[in-house]
């Protein structure tokens, strides 16, 4: 059994859906779990519906537009499939029913509404695969992936999920077995739809691989693998053809966008390799992530996070920043869901770099009631793994270094 994951860019239109079938034809003998994200920018559109709904604004036109676009793609890739057409219409009617139920639980509404995108896309992909002569079974991921009730960032209940997955393959007919299911979504013990966090479809692929003891996971993307930097920003990037789980986890933690940060952990536990390959270049070698680490330090990797705030927090009486202060400060960050990307403290100051968001700006105001708070906006956070001095000099040239941190392996800079 192999797990394939196709992201939103790979199924953004009818041509993308058809290409999924073309990719699968190269694996005609393999049992596959095919995890699919919402199409294109559907998740963003559904988020707009959530915010409008929570503000009491009308959303009917937005829902109608999504239904028209999805119905058009379905009609193009699976013409005459009346069953799929009815099912897609039923999903949209269910969404409209949700939007007539006024609630005050925004995060729960978010999960119920935004999760619809994955249901629509997988229904369309499954229908097209049948049309293309690739038998498959559509599975609602919520029947397998059980979570707690932490809406928008649910934690997996691995024990219950394993029990529910134990008979899944035996229920799938055909040889080879083909399952089409959703990324990003789960189901709580309270009977509510949950989501695993933005970009959580990668994590879903790893969850299914773990539960089913898969041979491997392949993430099919519009890039030929993992690179040592963002190719859109740096012209001389190099492919990371083989790195370890640990290295990939470090890179994702520091902000590399190719792999979701939680994806590697379940794979590492069962030593399941992860491949990152291009759905447009099937002959390209891609990247391999597994337990082997001998290649980790061969190529410096650098990650740039723009739009950062550098916040400096000082007690008004110039007293020492001690554990008691830090405990309260960290609690505020956690309460406001503001992730600290870098931290540094001195005797009387605690400095952090965070994404410049409305929540971060609100947190600055709250901290100002107890501390003297200064901040720099318009900063960027540069992280370099396996650095050398020539690389650091090139990347920081012409910029003001506000904070610099180094370990034996990683150098980090807040730049202005």
Protein backbone atom coordinates (compact mmCIF):
# COMPACT_ATOMS: atom_id res chain seq x y z
CA UNK A 1 0.00 0.00 0.00
CA UNK A 2 1.28 3.45 -0.98
CA UNK A 3 -0.20 6.81 -0.04
CA UNK A 4 -0.34 9.57 -2.67
CA UNK A 5 -1.25 13.14 -1.79
CA UNK A 6 -2.39 15.68 -4.37
CA UNK A 7 -2.59 19.30 -3.25
CA UNK A 8 -4.89 22.07 -4.35
CA UNK A 9 -2.58 23.22 -7.16
CA UNK A 10 -2.66 19.74 -8.71
CA UNK A 11 -6.48 19.65 -8.90
CA UNK A 12 -7.23 23.32 -9.47
CA UNK A 13 -9.11 22.71 -12.72
CA UNK A 14 -10.31 20.00 -15.09
CA UNK A 15 -6.85 19.57 -16.63
CA UNK A 16 -5.39 19.02 -13.18
CA UNK A 17 -8.00 16.40 -12.30
CA UNK A 18 -7.28 14.58 -15.57
CA UNK A 19 -3.57 14.67 -14.79
CA UNK A 20 -4.19 12.84 -11.50
CA UNK A 21 -5.51 9.93 -13.54
CA UNK A 22 -2.48 10.10 -15.83
CA UNK A 23 -0.15 9.93 -12.83
CA UNK A 24 -2.01 6.95 -11.39
CA UNK A 25 -1.73 5.05 -14.69
CA UNK A 26 2.03 4.86 -14.05
CA UNK A 27 1.25 2.88 -10.87
CA UNK A 28 -1.27 0.45 -12.33
CA UNK A 29 -0.36 -2.47 -10.03
CA UNK A 30 -0.11 -0.60 -6.71
CA UNK A 31 -2.69 -0.45 -3.93
CA UNK A 32 -3.15 3.27 -3.30
CA UNK A 33 -4.71 5.65 -0.80
CA UNK A 34 -5.17 8.91 -2.70
CA UNK A 35 -5.46 11.93 -0.39
CA UNK A 36 -6.75 15.08 -2.10
CA UNK A 37 -6.89 18.72 -0.98
CA UNK A 38 -9.55 21.27 -1.87
CA UNK A 39 -9.34 22.59 -5.42
CA UNK A 40 -7.14 25.61 -6.10
CA UNK A 41 -8.11 28.55 -3.89
CA UNK A 42 -11.32 26.94 -2.61
CA UNK A 43 -10.16 26.95 1.02
CA UNK A 44 -9.51 30.71 0.83
CA UNK A 45 -12.97 31.25 -0.66
CA UNK A 46 -14.58 29.16 2.08
CA UNK A 47 -12.69 31.13 4.73
CA UNK A 48 -14.18 34.32 3.31
CA UNK A 49 -17.61 32.70 3.67
CA UNK A 50 -16.83 31.84 7.32
CA UNK A 51 -15.85 35.42 8.18
CA UNK A 52 -18.82 36.92 6.34
CA UNK A 53 -21.16 34.42 8.01
CA UNK A 54 -19.76 35.21 11.46
CA UNK A 55 -20.29 38.95 10.78
CA UNK A 56 -23.89 38.35 9.68
CA UNK A 57 -23.22 39.27 6.04
CA UNK A 58 -24.83 37.47 3.13
CA UNK A 59 -22.88 34.63 1.56
CA UNK A 60 -25.35 33.24 -0.96
CA UNK A 61 -23.55 34.58 -4.04
CA UNK A 62 -20.21 33.19 -2.87
CA UNK A 63 -21.69 29.73 -2.31
CA UNK A 64 -23.42 29.85 -5.70
CA UNK A 65 -20.14 30.74 -7.41
CA UNK A 66 -18.35 27.80 -5.79
CA UNK A 67 -21.13 25.43 -6.80
CA UNK A 68 -21.03 26.62 -10.40
CA UNK A 69 -17.26 26.22 -10.67
CA UNK A 70 -17.20 22.75 -9.11
CA UNK A 71 -20.21 21.56 -11.10
CA UNK A 72 -18.56 22.76 -14.31
CA UNK A 73 -15.37 20.82 -13.56
CA UNK A 74 -17.36 17.70 -12.68
CA UNK A 75 -19.36 17.92 -15.90
CA UNK A 76 -16.13 18.26 -17.87
CA UNK A 77 -14.19 15.39 -16.29
CA UNK A 78 -17.06 12.95 -15.66
CA UNK A 79 -19.76 13.78 -18.21
CA UNK A 80 -23.04 12.02 -17.62
CA UNK A 81 -22.22 10.91 -14.08
CA UNK A 82 -25.64 11.63 -12.58
CA UNK A 83 -24.81 10.01 -9.23
CA UNK A 84 -21.79 12.28 -8.70
CA UNK A 85 -23.80 15.30 -9.84
CA UNK A 86 -26.51 14.54 -7.29
CA UNK A 87 -23.94 13.96 -4.55
CA UNK A 88 -22.20 17.26 -5.27
CA UNK A 89 -25.53 19.08 -5.19
CA UNK A 90 -26.39 17.43 -1.87
CA UNK A 91 -23.10 18.65 -0.37
CA UNK A 92 -23.91 22.22 -1.38
CA UNK A 93 -27.42 21.96 0.01
CA UNK A 94 -25.92 20.73 3.29
CA UNK A 95 -23.62 23.76 3.32
CA UNK A 96 -26.55 26.11 2.75
CA UNK A 97 -28.39 24.44 5.64
CA UNK A 98 -25.39 25.04 7.90
CA UNK A 99 -25.37 28.70 6.91
CA UNK A 100 -28.95 29.06 8.10
CA UNK A 101 -27.98 27.96 11.62
CA UNK A 102 -26.71 30.97 13.50
CA UNK A 103 -24.13 30.05 16.17
CA UNK A 104 -21.52 31.81 18.28
CA UNK A 105 -18.80 29.17 17.93
CA UNK A 106 -16.67 30.60 15.12
CA UNK A 107 -13.95 27.91 15.20
CA UNK A 108 -16.52 25.11 15.06
CA UNK A 109 -18.30 26.87 12.19
CA UNK A 110 -14.93 27.25 10.46
CA UNK A 111 -14.32 23.49 10.53
CA UNK A 112 -17.84 22.60 9.41
CA UNK A 113 -17.73 25.05 6.49
CA UNK A 114 -14.12 24.98 5.28
CA UNK A 115 -13.98 21.17 5.33
CA UNK A 116 -16.52 21.12 2.49
CA UNK A 117 -13.79 21.92 -0.04
CA UNK A 118 -12.10 18.56 0.43
CA UNK A 119 -15.39 16.71 0.18
CA UNK A 120 -16.18 18.38 -3.16
CA UNK A 121 -12.74 17.83 -4.67
CA UNK A 122 -12.53 14.16 -3.73
CA UNK A 123 -16.01 13.49 -5.09
CA UNK A 124 -14.93 15.02 -8.43
CA UNK A 125 -11.58 13.20 -8.53
CA UNK A 126 -13.23 9.88 -7.68
CA UNK A 127 -15.85 10.38 -10.40
CA UNK A 128 -13.19 11.18 -12.99
CA UNK A 129 -11.10 8.15 -12.07
CA UNK A 130 -14.14 5.93 -12.64
CA UNK A 131 -14.70 7.70 -15.96
CA UNK A 132 -11.03 7.10 -16.88
CA UNK A 133 -11.30 3.39 -16.13
CA UNK A 134 -9.65 3.47 -12.69
CA UNK A 135 -12.02 1.83 -10.18
CA UNK A 136 -11.86 3.34 -6.71
CA UNK A 137 -13.78 3.73 -3.47
CA UNK A 138 -14.57 7.20 -2.08
CA UNK A 139 -14.06 7.22 1.70
CA UNK A 140 -15.04 10.00 4.10
CA UNK A 141 -11.86 10.60 6.10
CA UNK A 142 -13.97 11.51 9.11
CA UNK A 143 -14.99 7.86 9.47
CA UNK A 144 -11.33 6.96 10.09
CA UNK A 145 -9.43 9.96 11.48
CA UNK A 146 -10.63 10.65 15.01
CA UNK A 147 -9.43 13.71 16.88
CA UNK A 148 -10.01 15.76 19.98
CA UNK A 149 -12.32 18.79 19.87
CA UNK A 150 -9.61 21.42 19.24
CA UNK A 151 -11.23 23.07 16.25
CA UNK A 152 -8.91 24.38 13.49
CA UNK A 153 -5.89 22.53 14.96
CA UNK A 154 -7.23 19.18 16.11
CA UNK A 155 -4.96 16.55 17.66
CA UNK A 156 -5.26 12.99 16.38
CA UNK A 157 -6.60 10.24 18.63
CA UNK A 158 -4.21 7.61 17.30
CA UNK A 159 -5.60 4.69 19.29
CA UNK A 160 -9.19 5.17 18.14
CA UNK A 161 -8.10 5.98 14.59
CA UNK A 162 -6.04 2.76 14.40
CA UNK A 163 -9.05 0.71 15.50
CA UNK A 164 -11.23 2.36 12.85
CA UNK A 165 -8.60 1.83 10.13
CA UNK A 166 -7.96 -1.81 10.98
CA UNK A 167 -10.65 -3.17 8.65
CA UNK A 168 -10.56 -0.44 6.00
CA UNK A 169 -8.62 -2.33 3.34
CA UNK A 170 -10.73 -5.45 3.72
CA UNK A 171 -13.81 -3.37 2.89
CA UNK A 172 -12.36 -2.15 -0.43
CA UNK A 173 -13.08 -4.33 -3.46
CA UNK A 174 -10.92 -4.65 -6.53
CA UNK A 175 -7.31 -5.47 -7.26
CA UNK A 176 -5.43 -3.23 -6.95
CA UNK A 177 -7.28 -1.42 -4.18
CA UNK A 178 -7.83 2.31 -4.72
CA UNK A 179 -9.17 4.63 -2.02
CA UNK A 180 -9.89 8.33 -2.61
CA UNK A 181 -10.19 10.38 0.57
CA UNK A 182 -9.77 13.86 1.98
CA UNK A 183 -6.86 15.60 3.55
CA UNK A 184 -7.18 18.20 6.32
CA UNK A 185 -10.29 16.87 8.07
CA UNK A 186 -11.22 14.59 10.97
CA UNK A 187 -14.04 13.92 13.41
CA UNK A 188 -14.15 14.45 17.17
CA UNK A 189 -15.58 12.17 19.84
CA UNK A 190 -18.21 14.87 20.34
CA UNK A 191 -19.49 14.21 16.83
CA UNK A 192 -18.13 17.36 15.18
CA UNK A 193 -16.06 17.86 12.04
CA UNK A 194 -12.55 19.08 12.85
CA UNK A 195 -9.62 20.32 10.78
CA UNK A 196 -5.91 19.72 11.27
CA UNK A 197 -4.62 23.22 10.49
CA UNK A 198 -3.89 24.93 7.18
CA UNK A 199 -1.86 22.76 4.81
CA UNK A 200 -2.98 19.79 6.92
CA UNK A 201 -3.49 17.51 3.90
CA UNK A 202 0.19 16.51 4.02
CA UNK A 203 -0.38 15.49 7.62
CA UNK A 204 -3.46 13.52 6.61
CA UNK A 205 -1.38 11.54 4.13
CA UNK A 206 1.06 10.69 6.91
CA UNK A 207 -1.82 9.73 9.22
CA UNK A 208 -3.22 7.25 6.71
CA UNK A 209 0.27 5.87 6.04
CA UNK A 210 0.81 5.34 9.75
CA UNK A 211 -2.60 3.75 10.31
CA UNK A 212 -2.25 1.39 7.34
CA UNK A 213 1.50 0.63 7.68
CA UNK A 214 2.05 1.98 4.18
CA UNK A 215 5.14 1.31 2.12
CA UNK A 216 5.67 5.01 1.37
CA UNK A 217 4.07 8.45 1.04
CA UNK A 218 4.43 10.55 -2.11
CA UNK A 219 3.44 14.21 -2.13
CA UNK A 220 2.78 15.31 -5.71
CA UNK A 221 3.46 19.02 -6.18
CA UNK A 222 3.98 21.63 -8.88
CA UNK A 223 7.71 21.72 -8.04
CA UNK A 224 10.22 18.93 -8.68
CA UNK A 225 11.07 18.37 -5.01
CA UNK A 226 12.45 20.15 -1.97
CA UNK A 227 14.98 22.87 -2.61
CA UNK A 228 17.54 24.47 -0.33
CA UNK A 229 15.72 27.81 -0.72
CA UNK A 230 12.64 29.30 -2.35
CA UNK A 231 13.22 29.14 -6.15
CA UNK A 232 10.89 32.11 -6.60
CA UNK A 233 13.21 34.26 -4.48
CA UNK A 234 16.68 32.88 -5.17
CA UNK A 235 17.90 32.06 -8.69
CA UNK A 236 20.62 29.56 -7.75
CA UNK A 237 18.67 27.07 -5.63
CA UNK A 238 19.62 23.39 -5.49
CA UNK A 239 17.48 20.28 -5.14
CA UNK A 240 17.70 18.46 -1.80
CA UNK A 241 17.61 15.00 -3.32
CA UNK A 242 17.91 13.11 -0.02
CA UNK A 243 17.60 14.36 3.56
CA UNK A 244 16.64 12.84 6.90
CA UNK A 245 13.38 13.13 8.81
CA UNK A 246 15.17 15.25 11.38
CA UNK A 247 16.50 17.68 8.80
CA UNK A 248 13.10 17.99 7.11
CA UNK A 249 11.43 18.62 10.48
CA UNK A 250 13.96 21.34 11.27
CA UNK A 251 13.45 22.99 7.88
CA UNK A 252 9.66 22.87 8.17
CA UNK A 253 9.80 24.26 11.71
CA UNK A 254 11.88 27.19 10.50
CA UNK A 255 9.37 27.95 7.77
CA UNK A 256 10.08 25.79 4.70
CA UNK A 257 6.69 25.54 3.02
CA UNK A 258 7.03 22.29 1.06
CA UNK A 259 6.24 19.94 3.97
CA UNK A 260 3.72 20.50 6.76
CA UNK A 261 5.59 20.49 10.10
CA UNK A 262 3.61 17.60 11.62
CA UNK A 263 3.85 15.35 8.58
CA UNK A 264 7.21 13.76 9.35
CA UNK A 265 6.60 12.60 12.93
CA UNK A 266 4.22 9.67 12.28
CA UNK A 267 6.32 8.60 9.29
CA UNK A 268 9.50 8.60 11.37
CA UNK A 269 7.88 6.41 14.02
CA UNK A 270 7.30 3.63 11.49
CA UNK A 271 10.25 4.42 9.22
CA UNK A 272 7.98 5.17 6.22
CA UNK A 273 9.86 7.11 3.52
CA UNK A 274 8.41 10.32 2.09
CA UNK A 275 8.89 11.30 -1.54
CA UNK A 276 8.26 14.78 -2.94
CA UNK A 277 7.73 14.62 -6.70
CA UNK A 278 6.40 16.75 -9.54
CA UNK A 279 3.06 15.85 -11.08
CA UNK A 280 4.20 17.71 -14.22
CA UNK A 281 7.57 15.93 -14.55
CA UNK A 282 7.06 12.27 -13.75
CA UNK A 283 10.61 11.38 -14.78
CA UNK A 284 12.19 13.90 -12.40
CA UNK A 285 13.86 12.19 -9.41
CA UNK A 286 12.30 14.40 -6.73
CA UNK A 287 13.33 14.37 -3.08
CA UNK A 288 13.50 11.49 -0.63
CA UNK A 289 13.09 11.91 3.12
CA UNK A 290 13.89 8.95 5.37
CA UNK A 291 16.08 7.95 8.31
CA UNK A 292 19.41 8.37 6.51
CA UNK A 293 21.24 11.57 7.48
CA UNK A 294 24.59 11.41 5.69
CA UNK A 295 23.49 13.97 3.07
CA UNK A 296 21.99 16.52 5.45
CA UNK A 297 25.00 18.83 5.68
CA UNK A 298 26.11 18.76 2.05
CA UNK A 299 24.11 21.81 0.92
CA UNK A 300 23.35 24.96 2.97
CA UNK A 301 19.60 25.59 3.19
CA UNK A 302 18.15 29.04 3.78
CA UNK A 303 14.64 30.11 4.66
CA UNK A 304 13.37 33.68 4.65
CA UNK A 305 10.20 34.67 6.50
CA UNK A 306 9.10 38.20 5.54
CA UNK A 307 6.65 40.53 7.30
CA UNK A 308 8.02 39.92 10.78
CA UNK A 309 7.61 42.01 13.92
CA UNK A 310 10.57 42.21 16.28
CA UNK A 311 9.05 42.91 19.70
CA UNK A 312 11.13 43.91 22.74
CA UNK A 313 9.50 43.59 26.17
CA UNK A 314 11.03 45.32 29.22
CA UNK A 315 9.71 45.61 32.83
CA UNK A 316 8.79 49.21 33.59
CA UNK A 317 10.93 49.19 36.74
CA UNK A 318 13.91 47.70 34.82
CA UNK A 319 13.68 44.62 37.03
CA UNK A 320 15.13 41.38 35.77
CA UNK A 321 13.22 39.27 33.25
CA UNK A 322 12.84 36.07 35.26
CA UNK A 323 10.78 32.89 35.06
CA UNK A 324 7.73 34.52 36.62
CA UNK A 325 7.68 37.25 33.93
CA UNK A 326 8.28 34.77 31.13
CA UNK A 327 5.50 32.50 32.32
CA UNK A 328 2.96 35.31 32.06
CA UNK A 329 4.33 36.50 28.72
CA UNK A 330 4.22 33.02 27.20
CA UNK A 331 0.67 32.56 28.46
CA UNK A 332 -0.42 35.68 26.59
CA UNK A 333 1.25 34.50 23.40
CA UNK A 334 -0.49 31.13 23.70
CA UNK A 335 -3.86 32.74 24.48
CA UNK A 336 -3.64 34.94 21.38
CA UNK A 337 -2.33 32.08 19.23
CA UNK A 338 0.81 34.03 18.28
CA UNK A 339 3.70 31.72 17.39
CA UNK A 340 7.18 32.86 18.39
CA UNK A 341 9.63 32.31 15.53
CA UNK A 342 12.73 33.48 17.43
CA UNK A 343 13.40 34.61 20.99
CA UNK A 344 16.29 36.22 22.84
CA UNK A 345 16.58 37.64 26.32
CA UNK A 346 18.94 39.80 28.34
CA UNK A 347 18.78 40.81 31.99
CA UNK A 348 16.02 43.36 31.44
CA UNK A 349 14.56 42.62 28.02
CA UNK A 350 12.87 39.75 26.21
CA UNK A 351 12.77 40.01 22.40
CA UNK A 352 10.78 37.89 19.97
CA UNK A 353 10.19 37.72 16.23
CA UNK A 354 6.61 36.90 15.17
CA UNK A 355 4.48 37.14 12.05
CA UNK A 356 2.95 40.60 11.62
CA UNK A 357 -0.76 39.77 12.04
CA UNK A 358 -3.74 41.51 13.68
CA UNK A 359 -3.37 39.10 16.62
CA UNK A 360 0.28 40.11 17.04
CA UNK A 361 -0.64 43.80 16.97
CA UNK A 362 -3.35 43.21 19.56
CA UNK A 363 -0.86 41.34 21.74
CA UNK A 364 1.51 44.32 21.66
CA UNK A 365 -1.26 46.49 23.09
CA UNK A 366 -2.02 43.96 25.83
CA UNK A 367 1.64 43.60 26.81
CA UNK A 368 1.89 47.39 26.95
CA UNK A 369 -0.42 47.51 29.96
CA UNK A 370 2.25 45.83 32.11
CA UNK A 371 5.54 46.23 30.25
CA UNK A 372 7.36 48.78 28.16
CA UNK A 373 7.04 47.40 24.64
CA UNK A 374 8.93 48.51 21.54
CA UNK A 375 8.79 46.91 18.13
CA UNK A 376 10.22 47.03 14.62
CA UNK A 377 7.96 46.13 11.73
CA UNK A 378 8.91 45.28 8.16
CA UNK A 379 11.56 42.82 9.32
CA UNK A 380 12.50 39.46 7.84
CA UNK A 381 13.76 36.36 9.59
CA UNK A 382 16.58 34.52 7.84
CA UNK A 383 17.48 30.96 8.88
CA UNK A 384 20.50 29.18 7.38
CA UNK A 385 21.10 25.49 8.04
CA UNK A 386 24.64 24.09 7.58
CA UNK A 387 25.91 27.59 6.97
CA UNK A 388 29.26 28.83 5.76
CA UNK A 389 30.54 32.38 6.08
CA UNK A 390 30.32 33.11 2.37
CA UNK A 391 26.63 32.19 2.31
CA UNK A 392 25.88 34.31 5.39
CA UNK A 393 27.71 37.31 3.98
CA UNK A 394 25.87 37.03 0.68
CA UNK A 395 22.43 36.73 2.27
CA UNK A 396 22.86 39.57 4.80
CA UNK A 397 24.72 42.01 2.54
CA UNK A 398 23.24 45.50 2.58
CA UNK A 399 20.85 44.77 5.44
CA UNK A 400 20.82 45.83 9.08
CA UNK A 401 21.19 42.90 11.47
CA UNK A 402 18.94 43.48 14.50
CA UNK A 403 19.43 40.04 16.11
CA UNK A 404 21.95 37.32 15.33
CA UNK A 405 21.98 33.79 16.76
CA UNK A 406 24.26 30.89 15.88
CA UNK A 407 24.66 27.27 16.83
CA UNK A 408 27.03 24.74 15.29
CA UNK A 409 24.47 23.95 12.57
CA UNK A 410 22.05 26.88 12.29
CA UNK A 411 22.45 30.65 11.99
CA UNK A 412 19.45 32.95 12.36
CA UNK A 413 19.12 36.68 11.74
CA UNK A 414 16.40 39.28 12.14
CA UNK A 415 17.09 41.73 9.33
CA UNK A 416 15.74 45.14 8.44
